[in-house]
Amino acid sequence: MMLPDSIQRLFYRYHSDRLDTHRHAALIIPTVLSDGTVEDWEWLFRVYGWEAIQAWLGEPGHAQMLPPPMERFWTLILWGTPQETPRWAGGNGRRTVPQEALPAWFPDDLR
């Protein structure tokens, strides 16, 4: 199934008229979760279903594809517990801070 016109605006960097919901789910799901409106989210859940989106979010590295506030929002909605991957504390390849450089007040569970 191709993307409806109302969703294509989110894919301005791509040939949105060529995106297929089945073949390009790995691009469509995070883009709509990150940048979509409530109406876009409704479309996303109608097309993929709650379980498929929940499973996508649970795959290693997928939640980190979302901006931190959206990662927190969607993990709360889909898992019932907000989560946010520490982007700057290391572990995800984006930025590594040496342990000795962390301030004393930095939580131990995030080290």
N, C-alpha and C. Protein backbone atom coordinates (compact mmCIF):
# COMPACT_ATOMS: atom_id res chain seq x y z
N MET A 1 0.86 -1.18 0.00
CA MET A 1 0.00 0.00 0.00
C MET A 1 0.90 1.24 0.00
N MET A 2 0.55 2.19 -0.78
CA MET A 2 1.32 3.42 -0.88
C MET A 2 0.86 4.39 0.22
N LEU A 3 1.70 5.38 0.50
CA LEU A 3 1.37 6.37 1.53
C LEU A 3 0.26 7.29 1.04
N PRO A 4 -0.67 7.64 1.91
CA PRO A 4 -1.69 8.62 1.50
C PRO A 4 -1.06 10.00 1.37
N ASP A 5 -1.68 10.85 0.59
CA ASP A 5 -1.16 12.21 0.38
C ASP A 5 -0.93 12.95 1.69
N SER A 6 -1.80 12.73 2.66
CA SER A 6 -1.70 13.46 3.93
C SER A 6 -0.44 13.10 4.71
N ILE A 7 0.13 11.95 4.49
CA ILE A 7 1.33 11.50 5.19
C ILE A 7 2.60 11.83 4.41
N GLN A 8 2.50 11.96 3.11
CA GLN A 8 3.67 12.15 2.26
C GLN A 8 4.48 13.39 2.64
N ARG A 9 3.86 14.40 3.23
CA ARG A 9 4.59 15.62 3.60
C ARG A 9 5.71 15.34 4.60
N LEU A 10 5.60 14.26 5.39
CA LEU A 10 6.61 13.91 6.37
C LEU A 10 7.87 13.35 5.72
N PHE A 11 7.79 12.97 4.47
CA PHE A 11 8.89 12.32 3.77
C PHE A 11 9.43 13.20 2.65
N TYR A 12 9.62 14.45 2.95
CA TYR A 12 10.06 15.42 1.95
C TYR A 12 11.46 15.15 1.42
N ARG A 13 12.24 14.36 2.12
CA ARG A 13 13.60 14.02 1.66
C ARG A 13 13.61 12.82 0.72
N TYR A 14 12.49 12.21 0.51
CA TYR A 14 12.40 10.99 -0.27
C TYR A 14 11.38 11.16 -1.38
N HIS A 15 11.32 10.18 -2.25
CA HIS A 15 10.24 10.12 -3.23
C HIS A 15 9.05 9.49 -2.51
N SER A 16 8.33 10.31 -1.78
CA SER A 16 7.27 9.79 -0.91
C SER A 16 6.18 9.06 -1.67
N ASP A 17 6.00 9.40 -2.92
CA ASP A 17 4.98 8.73 -3.72
C ASP A 17 5.40 7.30 -4.10
N ARG A 18 6.66 6.95 -3.84
CA ARG A 18 7.16 5.60 -4.14
C ARG A 18 7.27 4.71 -2.90
N LEU A 19 7.04 5.28 -1.72
CA LEU A 19 7.17 4.49 -0.49
C LEU A 19 5.99 3.54 -0.33
N ASP A 20 6.30 2.33 0.01
CA ASP A 20 5.31 1.29 0.23
C ASP A 20 5.26 0.98 1.72
N THR A 21 4.08 0.90 2.28
CA THR A 21 3.95 0.70 3.73
C THR A 21 4.55 -0.63 4.19
N HIS A 22 4.55 -1.64 3.36
CA HIS A 22 5.12 -2.92 3.75
C HIS A 22 6.65 -2.92 3.62
N ARG A 23 7.14 -2.55 2.47
CA ARG A 23 8.58 -2.61 2.21
C ARG A 23 9.37 -1.54 2.96
N HIS A 24 8.75 -0.42 3.29
CA HIS A 24 9.48 0.70 3.89
C HIS A 24 9.03 1.01 5.33
N ALA A 25 8.52 0.02 6.02
CA ALA A 25 8.06 0.22 7.40
C ALA A 25 9.16 0.75 8.30
N ALA A 26 10.41 0.32 8.09
CA ALA A 26 11.52 0.76 8.94
C ALA A 26 11.79 2.25 8.81
N LEU A 27 11.36 2.86 7.74
CA LEU A 27 11.47 4.31 7.57
C LEU A 27 10.19 5.00 8.00
N ILE A 28 9.07 4.42 7.66
CA ILE A 28 7.77 5.06 7.90
C ILE A 28 7.45 5.13 9.39
N ILE A 29 7.62 4.04 10.11
CA ILE A 29 7.24 4.02 11.53
C ILE A 29 7.97 5.09 12.34
N PRO A 30 9.31 5.15 12.33
CA PRO A 30 9.96 6.17 13.16
C PRO A 30 9.68 7.60 12.70
N THR A 31 9.52 7.78 11.39
CA THR A 31 9.25 9.14 10.89
C THR A 31 7.90 9.63 11.37
N VAL A 32 6.89 8.80 11.27
CA VAL A 32 5.55 9.22 11.70
C VAL A 32 5.49 9.35 13.22
N LEU A 33 6.12 8.44 13.96
CA LEU A 33 6.14 8.56 15.41
C LEU A 33 6.85 9.84 15.85
N SER A 34 7.92 10.21 15.15
CA SER A 34 8.71 11.39 15.52
C SER A 34 8.07 12.70 15.10
N ASP A 35 7.59 12.74 13.87
CA ASP A 35 7.20 14.02 13.27
C ASP A 35 5.72 14.17 12.97
N GLY A 36 4.95 13.12 13.17
CA GLY A 36 3.54 13.16 12.80
C GLY A 36 2.66 13.88 13.80
N THR A 37 1.45 14.12 13.34
CA THR A 37 0.40 14.71 14.18
C THR A 37 -0.46 13.56 14.74
N VAL A 38 -1.41 13.89 15.56
CA VAL A 38 -2.31 12.88 16.10
C VAL A 38 -3.01 12.13 14.96
N GLU A 39 -3.42 12.85 13.93
CA GLU A 39 -4.07 12.21 12.79
C GLU A 39 -3.12 11.26 12.08
N ASP A 40 -1.85 11.65 11.96
CA ASP A 40 -0.85 10.78 11.34
C ASP A 40 -0.64 9.53 12.19
N TRP A 41 -0.60 9.69 13.49
CA TRP A 41 -0.43 8.54 14.39
C TRP A 41 -1.61 7.58 14.27
N GLU A 42 -2.82 8.14 14.15
CA GLU A 42 -4.00 7.29 13.98
C GLU A 42 -3.87 6.45 12.71
N TRP A 43 -3.42 7.08 11.63
CA TRP A 43 -3.20 6.35 10.38
C TRP A 43 -2.16 5.25 10.60
N LEU A 44 -1.04 5.58 11.24
CA LEU A 44 0.04 4.62 11.48
C LEU A 44 -0.46 3.39 12.23
N PHE A 45 -1.24 3.61 13.28
CA PHE A 45 -1.74 2.49 14.08
C PHE A 45 -2.80 1.69 13.32
N ARG A 46 -3.57 2.33 12.45
CA ARG A 46 -4.52 1.60 11.61
C ARG A 46 -3.78 0.69 10.63
N VAL A 47 -2.69 1.20 10.06
CA VAL A 47 -1.96 0.44 9.05
C VAL A 47 -1.14 -0.69 9.66
N TYR A 48 -0.39 -0.40 10.73
CA TYR A 48 0.54 -1.39 11.29
C TYR A 48 0.01 -2.13 12.51
N GLY A 49 -0.86 -1.50 13.26
CA GLY A 49 -1.39 -2.13 14.46
C GLY A 49 -0.51 -1.89 15.68
N TRP A 50 -1.13 -1.93 16.83
CA TRP A 50 -0.47 -1.67 18.10
C TRP A 50 0.71 -2.61 18.33
N GLU A 51 0.47 -3.91 18.13
CA GLU A 51 1.49 -4.92 18.42
C GLU A 51 2.72 -4.75 17.52
N ALA A 52 2.53 -4.46 16.26
CA ALA A 52 3.66 -4.30 15.34
C ALA A 52 4.50 -3.08 15.71
N ILE A 53 3.86 -2.00 16.07
CA ILE A 53 4.60 -0.79 16.45
C ILE A 53 5.30 -1.01 17.78
N GLN A 54 4.63 -1.66 18.70
CA GLN A 54 5.25 -2.00 19.99
C GLN A 54 6.47 -2.89 19.78
N ALA A 55 6.36 -3.87 18.89
CA ALA A 55 7.48 -4.76 18.58
C ALA A 55 8.61 -3.99 17.91
N TRP A 56 8.28 -3.08 17.00
CA TRP A 56 9.30 -2.27 16.34
C TRP A 56 10.09 -1.48 17.39
N LEU A 57 9.38 -0.85 18.31
CA LEU A 57 10.02 -0.03 19.33
C LEU A 57 10.91 -0.87 20.24
N GLY A 58 10.56 -2.13 20.43
CA GLY A 58 11.33 -3.01 21.30
C GLY A 58 12.59 -3.58 20.67
N GLU A 59 12.75 -3.45 19.38
CA GLU A 59 13.96 -3.93 18.71
C GLU A 59 15.16 -3.11 19.15
N PRO A 60 16.31 -3.75 19.36
CA PRO A 60 17.50 -3.01 19.79
C PRO A 60 17.83 -1.84 18.85
N GLY A 61 18.00 -0.68 19.44
CA GLY A 61 18.37 0.51 18.69
C GLY A 61 17.23 1.29 18.09
N HIS A 62 16.05 0.71 18.02
CA HIS A 62 14.94 1.41 17.37
C HIS A 62 14.43 2.59 18.18
N ALA A 63 14.28 2.45 19.48
CA ALA A 63 13.79 3.57 20.29
C ALA A 63 14.72 4.77 20.19
N GLN A 64 16.01 4.51 20.03
CA GLN A 64 16.99 5.59 19.93
C GLN A 64 16.90 6.33 18.60
N MET A 65 16.15 5.79 17.67
CA MET A 65 15.94 6.49 16.39
C MET A 65 15.01 7.68 16.57
N LEU A 66 14.27 7.68 17.66
CA LEU A 66 13.33 8.77 17.93
C LEU A 66 14.03 9.86 18.73
N PRO A 67 13.61 11.12 18.56
CA PRO A 67 14.15 12.17 19.42
C PRO A 67 13.84 11.83 20.88
N PRO A 68 14.71 12.19 21.82
CA PRO A 68 14.50 11.81 23.22
C PRO A 68 13.09 12.07 23.78
N PRO A 69 12.49 13.24 23.54
CA PRO A 69 11.13 13.42 24.09
C PRO A 69 10.11 12.44 23.49
N MET A 70 10.29 12.12 22.20
CA MET A 70 9.35 11.18 21.57
C MET A 70 9.63 9.74 22.01
N GLU A 71 10.89 9.42 22.26
CA GLU A 71 11.22 8.10 22.79
C GLU A 71 10.53 7.92 24.14
N ARG A 72 10.63 8.93 24.98
CA ARG A 72 10.00 8.88 26.30
C ARG A 72 8.48 8.76 26.18
N PHE A 73 7.89 9.55 25.30
CA PHE A 73 6.44 9.55 25.09
C PHE A 73 5.96 8.18 24.60
N TRP A 74 6.61 7.65 23.55
CA TRP A 74 6.12 6.40 22.96
C TRP A 74 6.41 5.19 23.84
N THR A 75 7.49 5.20 24.60
CA THR A 75 7.71 4.07 25.51
C THR A 75 6.67 4.11 26.64
N LEU A 76 6.29 5.30 27.05
CA LEU A 76 5.22 5.41 28.05
C LEU A 76 3.91 4.89 27.48
N ILE A 77 3.55 5.31 26.28
CA ILE A 77 2.30 4.90 25.66
C ILE A 77 2.28 3.39 25.38
N LEU A 78 3.35 2.89 24.79
CA LEU A 78 3.35 1.50 24.32
C LEU A 78 3.77 0.49 25.37
N TRP A 79 4.59 0.88 26.33
CA TRP A 79 5.07 -0.05 27.34
C TRP A 79 4.55 0.26 28.73
N GLY A 80 3.98 1.44 28.93
CA GLY A 80 3.49 1.83 30.24
C GLY A 80 4.55 2.41 31.16
N THR A 81 5.80 2.46 30.67
CA THR A 81 6.92 2.99 31.45
C THR A 81 7.75 3.89 30.54
N PRO A 82 7.90 5.16 30.91
CA PRO A 82 8.72 6.02 30.05
C PRO A 82 10.18 5.63 30.15
N GLN A 83 10.83 5.61 29.01
CA GLN A 83 12.26 5.30 28.96
C GLN A 83 12.92 6.32 28.07
N GLU A 84 14.14 6.60 28.38
CA GLU A 84 14.92 7.47 27.51
C GLU A 84 16.36 7.00 27.57
N THR A 85 16.89 6.66 26.44
CA THR A 85 18.27 6.21 26.36
C THR A 85 19.18 7.41 26.58
N PRO A 86 20.10 7.32 27.53
CA PRO A 86 21.03 8.44 27.72
C PRO A 86 21.88 8.61 26.47
N ARG A 87 21.68 9.69 25.76
CA ARG A 87 22.34 9.92 24.48
C ARG A 87 23.82 10.27 24.65
N TRP A 88 24.17 10.82 25.79
CA TRP A 88 25.53 11.32 25.95
C TRP A 88 26.32 10.55 26.99
N ALA A 89 25.70 9.56 27.61
CA ALA A 89 26.40 8.79 28.64
C ALA A 89 27.07 7.54 28.07
N GLY A 90 27.04 7.41 26.78
CA GLY A 90 27.70 6.26 26.15
C GLY A 90 26.75 5.11 25.94
N GLY A 91 27.22 4.10 25.27
CA GLY A 91 26.44 2.90 25.06
C GLY A 91 25.68 2.85 23.76
N ASN A 92 25.48 3.99 23.10
CA ASN A 92 24.74 3.95 21.86
C ASN A 92 25.54 4.47 20.67
N GLY A 93 26.82 4.74 20.86
CA GLY A 93 27.67 5.13 19.77
C GLY A 93 27.59 6.58 19.36
N ARG A 94 26.73 7.34 19.97
CA ARG A 94 26.61 8.74 19.58
C ARG A 94 27.66 9.61 20.23
N ARG A 95 27.83 9.44 21.51
CA ARG A 95 28.84 10.20 22.23
C ARG A 95 29.23 9.41 23.47
N THR A 96 30.50 9.30 23.70
CA THR A 96 30.97 8.57 24.86
C THR A 96 31.64 9.54 25.81
N VAL A 97 31.20 9.52 27.06
CA VAL A 97 31.80 10.35 28.10
C VAL A 97 32.53 9.42 29.05
N PRO A 98 33.83 9.63 29.26
CA PRO A 98 34.54 8.77 30.20
C PRO A 98 33.92 8.84 31.59
N GLN A 99 33.89 7.69 32.28
CA GLN A 99 33.28 7.63 33.61
C GLN A 99 33.87 8.66 34.55
N GLU A 100 35.17 8.87 34.47
CA GLU A 100 35.80 9.82 35.39
C GLU A 100 35.42 11.27 35.07
N ALA A 101 34.87 11.50 33.92
CA ALA A 101 34.47 12.86 33.56
C ALA A 101 33.07 13.20 34.05
N LEU A 102 32.33 12.20 34.50
CA LEU A 102 30.96 12.44 34.97
C LEU A 102 30.99 13.08 36.35
N PRO A 103 30.12 14.05 36.59
CA PRO A 103 30.09 14.70 37.91
C PRO A 103 29.59 13.74 38.99
N ALA A 104 29.89 14.04 40.23
CA ALA A 104 29.51 13.19 41.35
C ALA A 104 27.99 13.04 41.47
N TRP A 105 27.24 14.04 41.06
CA TRP A 105 25.78 13.99 41.20
C TRP A 105 25.12 13.14 40.11
N PHE A 106 25.90 12.70 39.11
CA PHE A 106 25.33 11.91 38.02
C PHE A 106 24.86 10.56 38.56
N PRO A 107 23.60 10.16 38.27
CA PRO A 107 23.05 8.91 38.82
C PRO A 107 23.87 7.67 38.45
N ASP A 108 24.11 6.81 39.43
CA ASP A 108 24.88 5.60 39.21
C ASP A 108 24.25 4.67 38.19
N ASP A 109 22.91 4.63 38.15
CA ASP A 109 22.24 3.70 37.22
C ASP A 109 22.35 4.14 35.77
N LEU A 110 22.84 5.34 35.51
CA LEU A 110 23.05 5.81 34.14
C LEU A 110 24.50 5.77 33.72
N ARG A 111 25.37 5.37 34.61
CA ARG A 111 26.80 5.33 34.28
C ARG A 111 27.14 4.19 33.38
